Protein backbone atom coordinates (compact mmCIF):
# COMPACT_ATOMS: atom_id res chain seq x y z
CA UNK A 1 -44.96 -24.93 -12.13
CA UNK A 2 -45.14 -25.21 -15.93
CA UNK A 3 -45.30 -21.39 -16.21
CA UNK A 4 -42.20 -21.04 -14.03
CA UNK A 5 -40.40 -23.52 -16.22
CA UNK A 6 -41.34 -21.65 -19.27
CA UNK A 7 -39.80 -18.48 -17.78
CA UNK A 8 -36.41 -20.19 -17.38
CA UNK A 9 -35.82 -19.94 -21.16
CA UNK A 10 -38.49 -17.28 -22.02
CA UNK A 11 -37.22 -13.93 -23.09
CA UNK A 12 -39.33 -11.79 -20.67
CA UNK A 13 -38.22 -13.08 -17.17
CA UNK A 14 -36.30 -9.86 -16.26
CA UNK A 15 -36.39 -6.47 -18.07
CA UNK A 16 -33.83 -3.76 -18.28
CA UNK A 17 -35.59 -0.76 -19.78
CA UNK A 18 -32.24 0.89 -20.61
CA UNK A 19 -28.69 -0.36 -21.00
CA UNK A 20 -27.51 -1.15 -17.34
CA UNK A 21 -24.11 -2.07 -16.15
CA UNK A 22 -23.67 -4.52 -13.34
CA UNK A 23 -20.19 -4.72 -11.66
CA UNK A 24 -18.83 -7.22 -9.28
CA UNK A 25 -15.65 -6.50 -7.42
CA UNK A 26 -15.20 -10.09 -6.43
CA UNK A 27 -16.85 -13.51 -6.81
CA UNK A 28 -20.40 -12.85 -5.58
CA UNK A 29 -23.59 -14.63 -4.88
CA UNK A 30 -27.37 -14.07 -5.01
CA UNK A 31 -27.39 -11.70 -2.09
CA UNK A 32 -24.93 -9.35 -3.79
CA UNK A 33 -26.87 -9.63 -7.06
CA UNK A 34 -30.19 -8.68 -5.49
CA UNK A 35 -28.60 -5.68 -3.78
CA UNK A 36 -27.39 -4.41 -7.13
CA UNK A 37 -30.77 -4.95 -8.81
CA UNK A 38 -32.56 -3.21 -6.02
CA UNK A 39 -30.16 -0.23 -6.16
CA UNK A 40 -30.99 0.47 -9.95
CA UNK A 41 -34.64 -0.26 -9.49
CA UNK A 42 -35.09 -3.32 -11.83
CA UNK A 43 -38.39 -5.11 -11.26
CA UNK A 44 -38.03 -8.78 -10.54
CA UNK A 45 -39.30 -11.47 -8.25
CA UNK A 46 -36.74 -12.41 -5.64
CA UNK A 47 -38.14 -15.81 -4.81
CA UNK A 48 -38.51 -16.69 -8.59
CA UNK A 49 -34.96 -15.47 -9.25
CA UNK A 50 -33.57 -17.55 -6.46
CA UNK A 51 -35.51 -20.64 -7.77
CA UNK A 52 -34.27 -20.11 -11.21
CA UNK A 53 -30.61 -19.60 -10.10
CA UNK A 54 -30.68 -22.76 -8.05
CA UNK A 55 -32.42 -24.87 -10.69
CA UNK A 56 -30.07 -23.71 -13.46
CA UNK A 57 -26.92 -23.82 -11.30
CA UNK A 58 -26.07 -20.21 -12.09
CA UNK A 59 -25.60 -18.99 -8.43
CA UNK A 60 -21.95 -17.55 -8.27
CA UNK A 61 -21.08 -14.49 -10.44
CA UNK A 62 -17.45 -13.87 -11.62
CA UNK A 63 -15.71 -10.60 -10.93
CA UNK A 64 -16.30 -8.18 -13.79
CA UNK A 65 -18.44 -5.79 -15.60
CA UNK A 66 -21.70 -6.92 -17.49
CA UNK A 67 -24.14 -4.91 -19.61
CA UNK A 68 -27.84 -5.81 -20.09
CA UNK A 69 -30.59 -4.19 -21.99
CA UNK A 70 -34.21 -5.35 -22.86
CA UNK A 71 -36.10 -8.44 -21.84
CA UNK A 72 -34.00 -11.59 -20.97
CA UNK A 73 -34.61 -15.12 -19.82
CA UNK A 74 -33.10 -16.14 -16.55
CA UNK A 75 -30.77 -18.48 -18.25
CA UNK A 76 -29.33 -15.72 -20.51
CA UNK A 77 -29.10 -13.23 -17.58
CA UNK A 78 -27.56 -15.50 -14.99
CA UNK A 79 -25.33 -17.56 -17.14
CA UNK A 80 -23.41 -14.51 -18.65
CA UNK A 81 -22.32 -13.57 -15.10
CA UNK A 82 -21.64 -17.04 -14.01
CA UNK A 83 -19.50 -17.75 -16.98
CA UNK A 84 -17.68 -14.24 -16.69
CA UNK A 85 -18.63 -13.18 -20.14
CA UNK A 86 -17.76 -9.46 -19.76
CA UNK A 87 -18.81 -6.66 -21.97
CA UNK A 88 -15.92 -4.25 -22.92
CA UNK A 89 -15.89 -0.83 -21.51
CA UNK A 90 -14.64 2.35 -23.15
CA UNK A 91 -11.67 4.37 -21.76
CA UNK A 92 -10.92 7.64 -23.51
CA UNK A 93 -7.39 9.33 -23.54
CA UNK A 94 -7.37 12.93 -24.43
CA UNK A 95 -4.45 14.72 -26.12
CA UNK A 96 -2.36 17.35 -24.55
CA UNK A 97 -3.16 16.25 -20.96
CA UNK A 98 -1.21 15.08 -17.87
CA UNK A 99 -0.21 11.73 -16.35
CA UNK A 100 -2.54 12.52 -13.26
CA UNK A 101 -5.54 13.34 -15.51
CA UNK A 102 -5.12 10.24 -17.57
CA UNK A 103 -4.72 8.01 -14.59
CA UNK A 104 -7.82 9.32 -12.93
CA UNK A 105 -9.86 9.11 -16.15
CA UNK A 106 -8.81 5.47 -16.70
CA UNK A 107 -9.22 4.42 -13.12
CA UNK A 108 -12.78 5.92 -13.03
CA UNK A 109 -13.76 3.39 -15.71
CA UNK A 110 -11.91 0.30 -14.34
CA UNK A 111 -11.44 -1.56 -11.15
CA UNK A 112 -8.20 -0.13 -9.94
CA UNK A 113 -7.25 3.09 -8.23
CA UNK A 114 -5.63 6.17 -9.83
CA UNK A 115 -2.52 5.56 -7.69
CA UNK A 116 -2.01 2.14 -9.25
CA UNK A 117 -1.59 3.51 -12.63
CA UNK A 118 0.50 6.50 -11.42
CA UNK A 119 2.92 4.01 -9.72
CA UNK A 120 3.35 2.13 -12.86
CA UNK A 121 4.48 5.22 -14.81
CA UNK A 122 7.23 5.49 -12.23
CA UNK A 123 8.01 1.97 -11.92
CA UNK A 124 11.80 1.66 -12.75
CA UNK A 125 11.52 -2.10 -13.49
CA UNK A 126 8.58 -1.53 -15.94
CA UNK A 127 10.22 1.47 -17.53
CA UNK A 128 13.45 -0.42 -17.96
CA UNK A 129 11.65 -3.32 -19.67
CA UNK A 130 10.22 -0.82 -22.20
CA UNK A 131 13.61 1.12 -22.49
CA UNK A 132 11.58 4.32 -21.97
CA UNK A 133 11.70 7.21 -19.49
CA UNK A 134 8.56 8.21 -17.60
CA UNK A 135 8.03 11.07 -19.99
CA UNK A 136 8.53 8.91 -23.04
CA UNK A 137 6.09 6.26 -21.76
CA UNK A 138 3.49 8.89 -21.17
CA UNK A 139 4.12 10.50 -24.60
CA UNK A 140 3.13 7.10 -26.16
CA UNK A 141 -0.37 7.17 -24.57
CA UNK A 142 -1.97 7.77 -27.96
CA UNK A 143 -5.08 9.79 -27.51
CA UNK A 144 -8.12 7.75 -28.60
CA UNK A 145 -11.12 5.70 -27.31
CA UNK A 146 -10.19 2.17 -26.43
CA UNK A 147 -12.28 -0.83 -25.64
CA UNK A 148 -10.93 -2.98 -22.85
CA UNK A 149 -12.15 -5.07 -19.91
CA UNK A 150 -12.95 -3.74 -16.49
CA UNK A 151 -10.81 -6.33 -14.86
CA UNK A 152 -7.60 -5.50 -16.76
CA UNK A 153 -4.52 -4.47 -14.77
CA UNK A 154 -2.74 -1.05 -15.13
CA UNK A 155 0.07 -3.00 -16.85
CA UNK A 156 -2.36 -4.72 -19.27
CA UNK A 157 -4.00 -1.28 -20.13
CA UNK A 158 -0.66 0.49 -20.74
CA UNK A 159 0.60 -2.49 -22.86
CA UNK A 160 -2.58 -2.35 -24.85
CA UNK A 161 -2.09 1.42 -25.60
CA UNK A 162 1.57 0.87 -26.33
CA UNK A 163 0.64 -1.82 -28.92
CA UNK A 164 -1.73 0.60 -30.60
CA UNK A 165 0.99 3.35 -30.74
CA UNK A 166 3.46 0.91 -32.29
CA UNK A 167 0.83 -0.15 -34.87
CA UNK A 168 -0.30 3.39 -35.91
CA UNK A 169 2.76 5.35 -35.40
CA UNK A 170 5.97 3.27 -35.55
CA UNK A 171 4.87 0.71 -38.12
CA UNK A 172 2.85 3.07 -40.27
CA UNK A 173 5.62 5.75 -40.52
CA UNK A 174 8.76 3.53 -40.20
CA UNK A 175 10.28 4.95 -43.52
CA UNK A 176 9.75 8.57 -42.37
CA UNK A 177 11.61 8.08 -39.21
CA UNK A 178 14.52 6.78 -41.08
CA UNK A 179 14.36 9.64 -43.50
CA UNK A 180 14.45 12.22 -40.86
CA UNK A 181 16.95 10.31 -38.89
CA UNK A 182 15.11 10.96 -35.71
CA UNK A 183 13.72 8.32 -33.21
CA UNK A 184 10.01 7.89 -32.53
CA UNK A 185 10.47 9.34 -29.03
CA UNK A 186 12.28 12.40 -30.30
CA UNK A 187 9.39 12.95 -32.91
CA UNK A 188 6.99 12.46 -30.06
CA UNK A 189 8.84 15.05 -27.97
CA UNK A 190 8.68 17.66 -30.80
CA UNK A 191 5.04 16.72 -31.37
CA UNK A 192 4.26 17.33 -27.77
CA UNK A 193 5.34 20.85 -27.91
CA UNK A 194 3.23 21.33 -31.04
CA UNK A 195 0.28 19.83 -29.24
CA UNK A 196 0.50 22.47 -26.57
CA UNK A 197 1.07 25.38 -29.02
CA UNK A 198 -1.57 24.58 -31.60
CA UNK A 199 -5.12 25.73 -30.65
CA UNK A 200 -6.17 25.43 -34.26
CA UNK A 201 -5.72 22.08 -35.98
CA UNK A 202 -4.69 23.60 -39.45
CA UNK A 203 -1.68 25.33 -37.74
CA UNK A 204 -0.19 22.12 -36.54
CA UNK A 205 1.99 21.55 -39.76
CA UNK A 206 2.88 25.21 -39.86
CA UNK A 207 4.06 25.12 -36.13
CA UNK A 208 5.80 21.95 -36.73
CA UNK A 209 7.65 23.54 -39.71
CA UNK A 210 8.68 26.44 -37.66
CA UNK A 211 10.38 24.31 -34.99
CA UNK A 212 11.96 22.07 -37.61
CA UNK A 213 13.41 25.28 -39.16
CA UNK A 214 14.91 26.39 -35.76
CA UNK A 215 16.30 22.83 -35.17
CA UNK A 216 17.91 22.68 -38.62
CA UNK A 217 19.38 26.21 -38.12
CA UNK A 218 20.78 25.30 -34.64
CA UNK A 219 18.62 27.80 -32.91
CA UNK A 220 17.15 27.38 -29.53
CA UNK A 221 13.59 26.11 -29.88
CA UNK A 222 12.43 28.67 -27.26
CA UNK A 223 9.06 26.95 -26.89
CA UNK A 224 6.95 28.47 -24.12
CA UNK A 225 5.16 25.15 -23.42
CA UNK A 226 8.45 23.63 -22.29
CA UNK A 227 8.89 26.41 -19.75
CA UNK A 228 5.32 25.76 -18.48
CA UNK A 229 6.22 22.06 -18.13
CA UNK A 230 9.31 22.92 -16.27
CA UNK A 231 7.42 25.19 -13.91
CA UNK A 232 4.81 22.67 -13.36
CA UNK A 233 1.87 24.89 -14.35
CA UNK A 234 0.25 26.27 -17.48
CA UNK A 235 0.05 30.24 -17.15
CA UNK A 236 1.18 33.34 -18.84
CA UNK A 237 4.96 33.39 -18.44
CA UNK A 238 6.91 36.09 -16.76
CA UNK A 239 10.30 37.39 -18.10
CA UNK A 240 12.16 35.69 -15.20
CA UNK A 241 10.42 32.34 -16.07
CA UNK A 242 12.32 32.02 -19.28
CA UNK A 243 15.65 31.90 -17.30
CA UNK A 244 14.39 28.98 -15.11
CA UNK A 245 17.13 26.44 -14.86
CA UNK A 246 15.54 23.14 -15.86
CA UNK A 247 16.40 20.42 -18.43
CA UNK A 248 13.09 20.96 -20.20
CA UNK A 249 13.45 24.72 -20.59
CA UNK A 250 14.15 25.25 -24.26
CA UNK A 251 15.07 28.76 -23.78
CA UNK A 252 18.30 27.89 -21.83
CA UNK A 253 18.93 24.36 -23.47
CA UNK A 254 19.70 23.70 -27.08
CA UNK A 255 17.88 21.07 -28.99
CA UNK A 256 14.87 18.99 -28.03
CA UNK A 257 13.99 18.67 -24.37
CA UNK A 258 14.75 15.19 -22.64
CA UNK A 259 11.23 13.82 -23.33
CA UNK A 260 7.61 14.72 -24.27
CA UNK A 261 5.83 17.36 -22.24
CA UNK A 262 2.38 15.80 -22.85
CA UNK A 263 0.79 13.01 -25.01
CA UNK A 264 0.36 14.37 -28.58
CA UNK A 265 -2.52 13.11 -30.81
CA UNK A 266 -1.94 11.11 -33.94
CA UNK A 267 -2.77 14.13 -36.15
CA UNK A 268 -0.05 16.20 -34.35
CA UNK A 269 2.48 13.36 -34.51
CA UNK A 270 1.70 13.17 -38.33
CA UNK A 271 2.09 16.98 -38.62
CA UNK A 272 5.42 16.83 -36.95
CA UNK A 273 6.55 14.04 -39.27
CA UNK A 274 5.27 15.88 -42.28
CA UNK A 275 5.76 19.66 -41.63
CA UNK A 276 4.72 22.44 -43.88
CA UNK A 277 7.68 23.61 -45.93
CA UNK A 278 8.12 27.40 -45.16
CA UNK A 279 10.63 29.89 -43.93
CA UNK A 280 9.00 30.91 -40.74
CA UNK A 281 11.07 31.12 -37.59
CA UNK A 282 8.84 33.20 -35.21
CA UNK A 283 5.21 33.15 -34.13
CA UNK A 284 3.03 35.09 -31.77
CA UNK A 285 -0.33 34.52 -30.56
CA UNK A 286 -3.38 36.46 -32.09
CA UNK A 287 -6.83 37.45 -30.57
CA UNK A 288 -8.50 34.65 -32.67
CA UNK A 289 -6.69 31.79 -30.69
CA UNK A 290 -4.14 31.14 -33.50
CA UNK A 291 -0.72 32.60 -34.34
CA UNK A 292 0.95 35.28 -36.64
CA UNK A 293 4.00 33.69 -38.24
CA UNK A 294 6.97 35.63 -39.35
CA UNK A 295 10.36 35.08 -41.00
CA UNK A 296 12.41 37.71 -39.36
CA UNK A 297 12.95 38.76 -35.67
CA UNK A 298 12.06 42.46 -36.60
CA UNK A 299 8.62 41.23 -37.99
CA UNK A 300 8.17 39.28 -34.92
CA UNK A 301 8.79 42.26 -32.64
CA UNK A 302 6.06 44.38 -34.44
CA UNK A 303 3.56 41.60 -34.22
CA UNK A 304 4.35 40.91 -30.60
CA UNK A 305 3.87 44.63 -29.88
CA UNK A 306 0.31 44.33 -31.57
CA UNK A 307 -0.40 41.37 -29.20
CA UNK A 308 0.71 43.27 -26.09
CA UNK A 309 -1.46 46.32 -26.96
CA UNK A 310 -4.39 44.01 -27.50
CA UNK A 311 -3.79 42.17 -24.21
CA UNK A 312 -3.41 45.51 -22.36
CA UNK A 313 -6.83 46.52 -23.76
CA UNK A 314 -8.43 43.27 -22.60
CA UNK A 315 -7.10 43.79 -19.12
CA UNK A 316 -8.45 47.27 -19.15
CA UNK A 317 -11.93 46.12 -20.17
CA UNK A 318 -11.77 43.37 -17.47
CA UNK A 319 -10.89 45.73 -14.82
CA UNK A 320 -13.55 48.20 -15.88
CA UNK A 321 -16.18 45.45 -15.84
CA UNK A 322 -15.12 44.34 -12.42
CA UNK A 323 -15.42 47.82 -10.95
CA UNK A 324 -18.90 48.21 -12.47
CA UNK A 325 -19.81 44.86 -10.88
CA UNK A 326 -18.50 45.92 -7.39
CA UNK A 327 -20.46 49.17 -7.39
């Protein structure tokens, strides 16, 4: 009996060789706890565990997510779950993604379903309370890794990310927004286009400067990513795609589109706020994954033809390889 009593507060009553996460969807008891311990292969004595839980009074476990590692006493192990002392979990939001992908990624780490978060992004009452459109709300989903709790609701998660956006974007660059005379959502809208265009980080301020030059000259933005967004898919565009009648198509509508086309990273937002000063008005992709920037349309035509020649050669090589593989 003395040995058992010592194990109540001793640090080797139950051992987790590696960090282990136990999650309870609802208030649970010893039966549910044992099922979870059995499923992850933790060595423990069922009779002793139940004796300890009864003696200590730690027999009901709060809904939540709890992490354990190393050797623990029964008191430390059981009291944490009974008192509901959750460990934070990480959720990661990537830049340049979609509402569907972000919702699925977050829901995979927390207790709710993907559809619950998707519904919030279309909830007119919630959007009205933030004075944001669906696209503007998503544009503010600042890419980063966040620490939160498994039991947080979709609304609590979104509000947490919005607070971070306010702190790191609006508060940090308030003077610059006033200097440019553009709202945060307008800047995020332009940054979202830069996010989709820039495959190389160093090009972000260059691309940003190019679009600012077009805006300041009253030119059409003519940003391919806005056409992709309007079409609902990212692919190589056809000539007829550029005439697609849609509010987000910047080949047919002047100025910025009605909202962001994706969620830009902080570095892209900052590159949009502080663009490179140059005279470029045109750009075309190059084989290295970046762009060739030009000042005149004639220069742009020459570089575009080089790109088309390169593409045709790549397609020829691909067809040749496919023919060899089929033989």
